[in-house]
Amino acid sequence: MRHVHVAFLEGTKVLIVRRREVSTWWGRGPAEPRVVDAAGQWAVPGGGYESVTSPLAALQRLFHEQTGLAFPDGRSAEPWRPTSRSFTLYFVPVTGLESLASSITLRVAQSAVTPGRPAGGAIVNWELSSAHVVPLAKVVAHLGVRQPVSHENQLAITRQAMRSPSSQSIERYATMAAIIALQ
């Protein structure tokens, strides 16, 4: 599986999102919440995709699934893909970055209220808990840095990590942070 992510930039600021500790999205099978990858961690929007689609198309779909919002105009999206990594990072300049962060936070906060798969047009993938804007110079202090998670979710996160050791790996975020900070 490949990964694609986006750094929305406005001047010297970048948008970051926080991954939810436990997803309220009920998947297939028994109605039981699942721990999301990199629970409680700061990231940039995006995620894994199958290589049958273009990275930009996958990113646009993932952004909509995670936030319920349309992907901001990507005509000026510039991809950066390190040759030794399995991810593509897009840089998308936007105006109104604080407004975008607020919109995302409002949408994902509302989605967490009602368990169950949302109806059409709503958020499909409830992996995010909030969005924030940080200076590029401080992005390294957020991305790739493990954040504490609540005590009640720690056992579930530990179990998930034992089943899939890479599920809590955030090495690519540290690499992305270094790349983003240079912008």
C-alpha atoms as a PDB file:
ATOM      1  CA  MET A   1       0.000   0.000   0.000  1.00  0.00           C
ATOM      2  CA  ARG A   2       1.193   3.470  -0.855  1.00  0.00           C
ATOM      3  CA  HIS A   3       0.507   6.645   1.080  1.00  0.00           C
ATOM      4  CA  VAL A   4      -0.342  10.129  -0.092  1.00  0.00           C
ATOM      5  CA  HIS A   5      -0.529  13.265   2.050  1.00  0.00           C
ATOM      6  CA  VAL A   6      -1.065  16.984   1.595  1.00  0.00           C
ATOM      7  CA  ALA A   7       0.544  20.025   3.141  1.00  0.00           C
ATOM      8  CA  PHE A   8      -1.882  22.928   2.805  1.00  0.00           C
ATOM      9  CA  LEU A   9       0.250  26.053   2.992  1.00  0.00           C
ATOM     10  CA  GLU A  10      -0.542  29.723   3.442  1.00  0.00           C
ATOM     11  CA  GLY A  11       2.504  31.935   3.677  1.00  0.00           C
ATOM     12  CA  THR A  12       4.628  30.490   6.474  1.00  0.00           C
ATOM     13  CA  LYS A  13       1.867  28.324   7.982  1.00  0.00           C
ATOM     14  CA  VAL A  14       0.720  24.737   7.430  1.00  0.00           C
ATOM     15  CA  LEU A  15      -2.428  22.812   8.352  1.00  0.00           C
ATOM     16  CA  ILE A  16      -2.046  19.779  10.611  1.00  0.00           C
ATOM     17  CA  VAL A  17      -4.684  17.338  11.885  1.00  0.00           C
ATOM     18  CA  ARG A  18      -4.881  15.176  14.965  1.00  0.00           C
ATOM     19  CA  ARG A  19      -5.788  11.524  14.560  1.00  0.00           C
ATOM     20  CA  ARG A  20      -8.600  10.298  16.775  1.00  0.00           C
ATOM     21  CA  GLU A  21      -7.631   7.893  19.565  1.00  0.00           C
ATOM     22  CA  VAL A  22     -10.550   5.554  18.963  1.00  0.00           C
ATOM     23  CA  SER A  23     -12.689   5.714  15.894  1.00  0.00           C
ATOM     24  CA  THR A  24     -16.434   5.987  16.354  1.00  0.00           C
ATOM     25  CA  TRP A  25     -16.864   4.621  12.842  1.00  0.00           C
ATOM     26  CA  TRP A  26     -18.359   1.160  12.928  1.00  0.00           C
ATOM     27  CA  GLY A  27     -16.901  -0.997  10.198  1.00  0.00           C
ATOM     28  CA  ARG A  28     -17.917  -4.384   8.972  1.00  0.00           C
ATOM     29  CA  GLY A  29     -18.742  -6.978  11.585  1.00  0.00           C
ATOM     30  CA  PRO A  30     -19.564  -6.449  15.252  1.00  0.00           C
ATOM     31  CA  ALA A  31     -20.360  -2.935  16.361  1.00  0.00           C
ATOM     32  CA  GLU A  32     -17.159  -2.182  18.193  1.00  0.00           C
ATOM     33  CA  PRO A  33     -14.996   0.935  17.916  1.00  0.00           C
ATOM     34  CA  ARG A  34     -11.545   0.487  16.426  1.00  0.00           C
ATOM     35  CA  VAL A  35      -8.300   2.203  17.279  1.00  0.00           C
ATOM     36  CA  VAL A  36      -7.055   4.266  14.352  1.00  0.00           C
ATOM     37  CA  ASP A  37      -3.500   4.166  13.055  1.00  0.00           C
ATOM     38  CA  ALA A  38      -1.197   6.628  14.820  1.00  0.00           C
ATOM     39  CA  ALA A  39      -3.886   7.235  17.458  1.00  0.00           C
ATOM     40  CA  GLY A  40      -3.698  10.682  19.031  1.00  0.00           C
ATOM     41  CA  GLN A  41      -0.867  11.752  16.728  1.00  0.00           C
ATOM     42  CA  TRP A  42      -0.456  14.939  14.711  1.00  0.00           C
ATOM     43  CA  ALA A  43      -0.353  14.350  10.961  1.00  0.00           C
ATOM     44  CA  VAL A  44      -1.079  16.003   7.663  1.00  0.00           C
ATOM     45  CA  PRO A  45      -4.275  14.929   5.854  1.00  0.00           C
ATOM     46  CA  GLY A  46      -4.047  11.825   3.730  1.00  0.00           C
ATOM     47  CA  GLY A  47      -3.505   8.115   4.117  1.00  0.00           C
ATOM     48  CA  GLY A  48      -3.057   4.810   2.358  1.00  0.00           C
ATOM     49  CA  TYR A  49      -4.402   3.950  -1.070  1.00  0.00           C
ATOM     50  CA  GLU A  50      -4.229   1.214  -3.661  1.00  0.00           C
ATOM     51  CA  SER A  51      -1.979   2.006  -6.597  1.00  0.00           C
ATOM     52  CA  VAL A  52      -4.806   1.617  -9.141  1.00  0.00           C
ATOM     53  CA  THR A  53      -5.567   5.336  -8.920  1.00  0.00           C
ATOM     54  CA  SER A  54      -3.398   8.420  -9.252  1.00  0.00           C
ATOM     55  CA  PRO A  55      -1.935   9.819  -6.021  1.00  0.00           C
ATOM     56  CA  LEU A  56      -3.763  13.149  -6.463  1.00  0.00           C
ATOM     57  CA  ALA A  57      -7.126  11.442  -7.103  1.00  0.00           C
ATOM     58  CA  ALA A  58      -6.554   9.238  -4.045  1.00  0.00           C
ATOM     59  CA  LEU A  59      -5.668  12.288  -1.963  1.00  0.00           C
ATOM     60  CA  GLN A  60      -8.801  14.138  -3.026  1.00  0.00           C
ATOM     61  CA  ARG A  61     -10.943  11.104  -2.120  1.00  0.00           C
ATOM     62  CA  LEU A  62      -9.184  10.585   1.229  1.00  0.00           C
ATOM     63  CA  PHE A  63      -9.533  14.253   2.167  1.00  0.00           C
ATOM     64  CA  HIS A  64     -13.259  14.162   1.474  1.00  0.00           C
ATOM     65  CA  GLU A  65     -13.680  10.906   3.398  1.00  0.00           C
ATOM     66  CA  GLN A  66     -11.762  12.210   6.409  1.00  0.00           C
ATOM     67  CA  THR A  67     -13.297  15.681   6.563  1.00  0.00           C
ATOM     68  CA  GLY A  68     -16.560  15.666   4.601  1.00  0.00           C
ATOM     69  CA  LEU A  69     -15.219  18.700   2.713  1.00  0.00           C
ATOM     70  CA  ALA A  70     -14.325  19.094  -0.939  1.00  0.00           C
ATOM     71  CA  PHE A  71     -10.600  19.143  -1.611  1.00  0.00           C
ATOM     72  CA  PRO A  72      -9.426  22.749  -2.059  1.00  0.00           C
ATOM     73  CA  ASP A  73      -8.449  23.622  -5.588  1.00  0.00           C
ATOM     74  CA  GLY A  74      -5.587  21.277  -6.460  1.00  0.00           C
ATOM     75  CA  ARG A  75      -4.626  22.736  -9.836  1.00  0.00           C
ATOM     76  CA  SER A  76      -1.515  24.181  -8.288  1.00  0.00           C
ATOM     77  CA  ALA A  77      -0.696  21.036  -6.296  1.00  0.00           C
ATOM     78  CA  GLU A  78       2.973  20.189  -6.544  1.00  0.00           C
ATOM     79  CA  PRO A  79       3.979  16.605  -5.735  1.00  0.00           C
ATOM     80  CA  TRP A  80       7.163  15.771  -3.906  1.00  0.00           C
ATOM     81  CA  ARG A  81       8.013  12.103  -3.682  1.00  0.00           C
ATOM     82  CA  PRO A  82      11.233  10.914  -2.102  1.00  0.00           C
ATOM     83  CA  THR A  83      12.582   8.102  -4.230  1.00  0.00           C
ATOM     84  CA  SER A  84      13.300   5.854  -1.248  1.00  0.00           C
ATOM     85  CA  ARG A  85       9.897   6.302   0.407  1.00  0.00           C
ATOM     86  CA  SER A  86       6.467   4.821  -0.194  1.00  0.00           C
ATOM     87  CA  PHE A  87       4.586   8.110   0.054  1.00  0.00           C
ATOM     88  CA  THR A  88       3.822  11.124  -2.070  1.00  0.00           C
ATOM     89  CA  LEU A  89       3.515  14.525  -0.434  1.00  0.00           C
ATOM     90  CA  TYR A  90       1.611  17.302  -2.204  1.00  0.00           C
ATOM     91  CA  PHE A  91       2.038  20.987  -1.465  1.00  0.00           C
ATOM     92  CA  VAL A  92      -1.150  22.986  -2.038  1.00  0.00           C
ATOM     93  CA  PRO A  93      -1.132  26.743  -1.482  1.00  0.00           C
ATOM     94  CA  VAL A  94      -4.480  27.976  -0.128  1.00  0.00           C
ATOM     95  CA  THR A  95      -5.991  31.161   1.199  1.00  0.00           C
ATOM     96  CA  GLY A  96      -8.045  31.046   4.385  1.00  0.00           C
ATOM     97  CA  LEU A  97      -6.048  28.321   6.114  1.00  0.00           C
ATOM     98  CA  GLU A  98      -7.479  29.157   9.566  1.00  0.00           C
ATOM     99  CA  SER A  99     -10.979  28.943   8.111  1.00  0.00           C
ATOM    100  CA  LEU A 100     -10.197  25.550   6.559  1.00  0.00           C
ATOM    101  CA  ALA A 101      -8.900  24.275   9.923  1.00  0.00           C
ATOM    102  CA  SER A 102     -12.027  25.533  11.687  1.00  0.00           C
ATOM    103  CA  SER A 103     -14.289  23.900   9.097  1.00  0.00           C
ATOM    104  CA  ILE A 104     -12.511  20.575   9.484  1.00  0.00           C
ATOM    105  CA  THR A 105     -12.656  20.723  13.293  1.00  0.00           C
ATOM    106  CA  LEU A 106     -16.375  21.542  13.243  1.00  0.00           C
ATOM    107  CA  ARG A 107     -17.152  18.726  10.798  1.00  0.00           C
ATOM    108  CA  VAL A 108     -15.152  16.039  12.604  1.00  0.00           C
ATOM    109  CA  ALA A 109     -16.459  17.097  16.032  1.00  0.00           C
ATOM    110  CA  GLN A 110     -20.027  16.681  14.782  1.00  0.00           C
ATOM    111  CA  SER A 111     -19.244  13.281  13.271  1.00  0.00           C
ATOM    112  CA  ALA A 112     -18.060  11.871  16.590  1.00  0.00           C
ATOM    113  CA  VAL A 113     -21.418  12.466  18.262  1.00  0.00           C
ATOM    114  CA  THR A 114     -23.362   9.749  16.483  1.00  0.00           C
ATOM    115  CA  PRO A 115     -21.899   6.247  16.231  1.00  0.00           C
ATOM    116  CA  GLY A 116     -22.718   4.320  13.101  1.00  0.00           C
ATOM    117  CA  ARG A 117     -21.872   4.696   9.468  1.00  0.00           C
ATOM    118  CA  PRO A 118     -22.929   8.166   8.333  1.00  0.00           C
ATOM    119  CA  ALA A 119     -25.462   8.745   5.580  1.00  0.00           C
ATOM    120  CA  GLY A 120     -24.432   9.815   2.098  1.00  0.00           C
ATOM    121  CA  GLY A 121     -22.656  13.152   1.919  1.00  0.00           C
ATOM    122  CA  ALA A 122     -21.445  12.911   5.508  1.00  0.00           C
ATOM    123  CA  ILE A 123     -17.981  12.025   6.727  1.00  0.00           C
ATOM    124  CA  VAL A 124     -17.149   8.437   5.869  1.00  0.00           C
ATOM    125  CA  ASN A 125     -13.923   8.001   7.761  1.00  0.00           C
ATOM    126  CA  TRP A 126     -13.834   9.421  11.283  1.00  0.00           C
ATOM    127  CA  GLU A 127     -10.097   9.221  11.863  1.00  0.00           C
ATOM    128  CA  LEU A 128      -9.579  12.884  12.696  1.00  0.00           C
ATOM    129  CA  SER A 129     -10.402  14.739  15.894  1.00  0.00           C
ATOM    130  CA  SER A 130      -9.286  18.307  15.051  1.00  0.00           C
ATOM    131  CA  ALA A 131      -7.281  20.538  12.714  1.00  0.00           C
ATOM    132  CA  HIS A 132      -4.833  23.324  13.552  1.00  0.00           C
ATOM    133  CA  VAL A 133      -2.546  25.785  11.811  1.00  0.00           C
ATOM    134  CA  VAL A 134       1.104  25.928  12.863  1.00  0.00           C
ATOM    135  CA  PRO A 135       4.113  27.922  11.642  1.00  0.00           C
ATOM    136  CA  LEU A 136       6.338  25.986   9.236  1.00  0.00           C
ATOM    137  CA  ALA A 137       9.222  26.462  11.659  1.00  0.00           C
ATOM    138  CA  LYS A 138       7.293  24.531  14.324  1.00  0.00           C
ATOM    139  CA  VAL A 139       5.944  21.689  12.201  1.00  0.00           C
ATOM    140  CA  VAL A 140       8.875  19.438  13.198  1.00  0.00           C
ATOM    141  CA  ALA A 141       7.773  19.758  16.844  1.00  0.00           C
ATOM    142  CA  HIS A 142       4.389  18.230  15.915  1.00  0.00           C
ATOM    143  CA  LEU A 143       4.632  15.745  13.030  1.00  0.00           C
ATOM    144  CA  GLY A 144       6.414  12.535  13.915  1.00  0.00           C
ATOM    145  CA  VAL A 145       6.217  13.228  17.646  1.00  0.00           C
ATOM    146  CA  ARG A 146       4.240  10.758  19.719  1.00  0.00           C
ATOM    147  CA  GLN A 147       1.480  12.325  21.769  1.00  0.00           C
ATOM    148  CA  PRO A 148       0.033  10.882  24.971  1.00  0.00           C
ATOM    149  CA  VAL A 149      -3.287   9.093  24.606  1.00  0.00           C
ATOM    150  CA  SER A 150      -5.979   8.682  27.212  1.00  0.00           C
ATOM    151  CA  HIS A 151      -5.535   5.931  29.776  1.00  0.00           C
ATOM    152  CA  GLU A 152      -8.707   4.081  28.774  1.00  0.00           C
ATOM    153  CA  ASN A 153      -7.496   3.763  25.167  1.00  0.00           C
ATOM    154  CA  GLN A 154      -3.915   2.784  25.962  1.00  0.00           C
ATOM    155  CA  LEU A 155      -4.702  -0.947  26.281  1.00  0.00           C
ATOM    156  CA  ALA A 156      -6.551  -1.024  22.955  1.00  0.00           C
ATOM    157  CA  ILE A 157      -3.686   0.823  21.262  1.00  0.00           C
ATOM    158  CA  THR A 158      -1.135  -1.578  22.757  1.00  0.00           C
ATOM    159  CA  ARG A 159      -3.145  -4.586  21.529  1.00  0.00           C
ATOM    160  CA  GLN A 160      -3.407  -3.127  18.042  1.00  0.00           C
ATOM    161  CA  ALA A 161       0.324  -2.383  17.930  1.00  0.00           C
ATOM    162  CA  MET A 162       1.079  -5.987  18.951  1.00  0.00           C
ATOM    163  CA  ARG A 163      -1.098  -7.307  16.094  1.00  0.00           C
ATOM    164  CA  SER A 164       0.345  -4.873  13.582  1.00  0.00           C
ATOM    165  CA  PRO A 165       3.609  -3.304  14.755  1.00  0.00           C
ATOM    166  CA  SER A 166       3.578  -0.740  11.953  1.00  0.00           C
ATOM    167  CA  SER A 167       0.102   0.509  12.896  1.00  0.00           C
ATOM    168  CA  GLN A 168       1.541   3.094  15.273  1.00  0.00           C
ATOM    169  CA  SER A 169       4.625   3.841  13.190  1.00  0.00           C
ATOM    170  CA  ILE A 170       4.835   7.481  12.233  1.00  0.00           C
ATOM    171  CA  GLU A 171       8.301   7.617  10.691  1.00  0.00           C
ATOM    172  CA  ARG A 172       6.932   9.082   7.464  1.00  0.00           C
ATOM    173  CA  TYR A 173       5.535  12.051   9.420  1.00  0.00           C
ATOM    174  CA  ALA A 174       9.008  12.911  10.707  1.00  0.00           C
ATOM    175  CA  THR A 175      10.319  12.829   7.139  1.00  0.00           C
ATOM    176  CA  MET A 176       7.392  14.955   5.945  1.00  0.00           C
ATOM    177  CA  ALA A 177       7.939  17.457   8.758  1.00  0.00           C
ATOM    178  CA  ALA A 178      11.541  17.980   7.689  1.00  0.00           C
ATOM    179  CA  ILE A 179      10.457  18.480   4.064  1.00  0.00           C
ATOM    180  CA  ILE A 180       7.601  20.843   4.971  1.00  0.00           C
ATOM    181  CA  ALA A 181       9.798  22.929   7.285  1.00  0.00           C
ATOM    182  CA  LEU A 182      12.043  23.730   4.307  1.00  0.00           C
ATOM    183  CA  GLN A 183       9.210  25.343   2.347  1.00  0.00           C
END
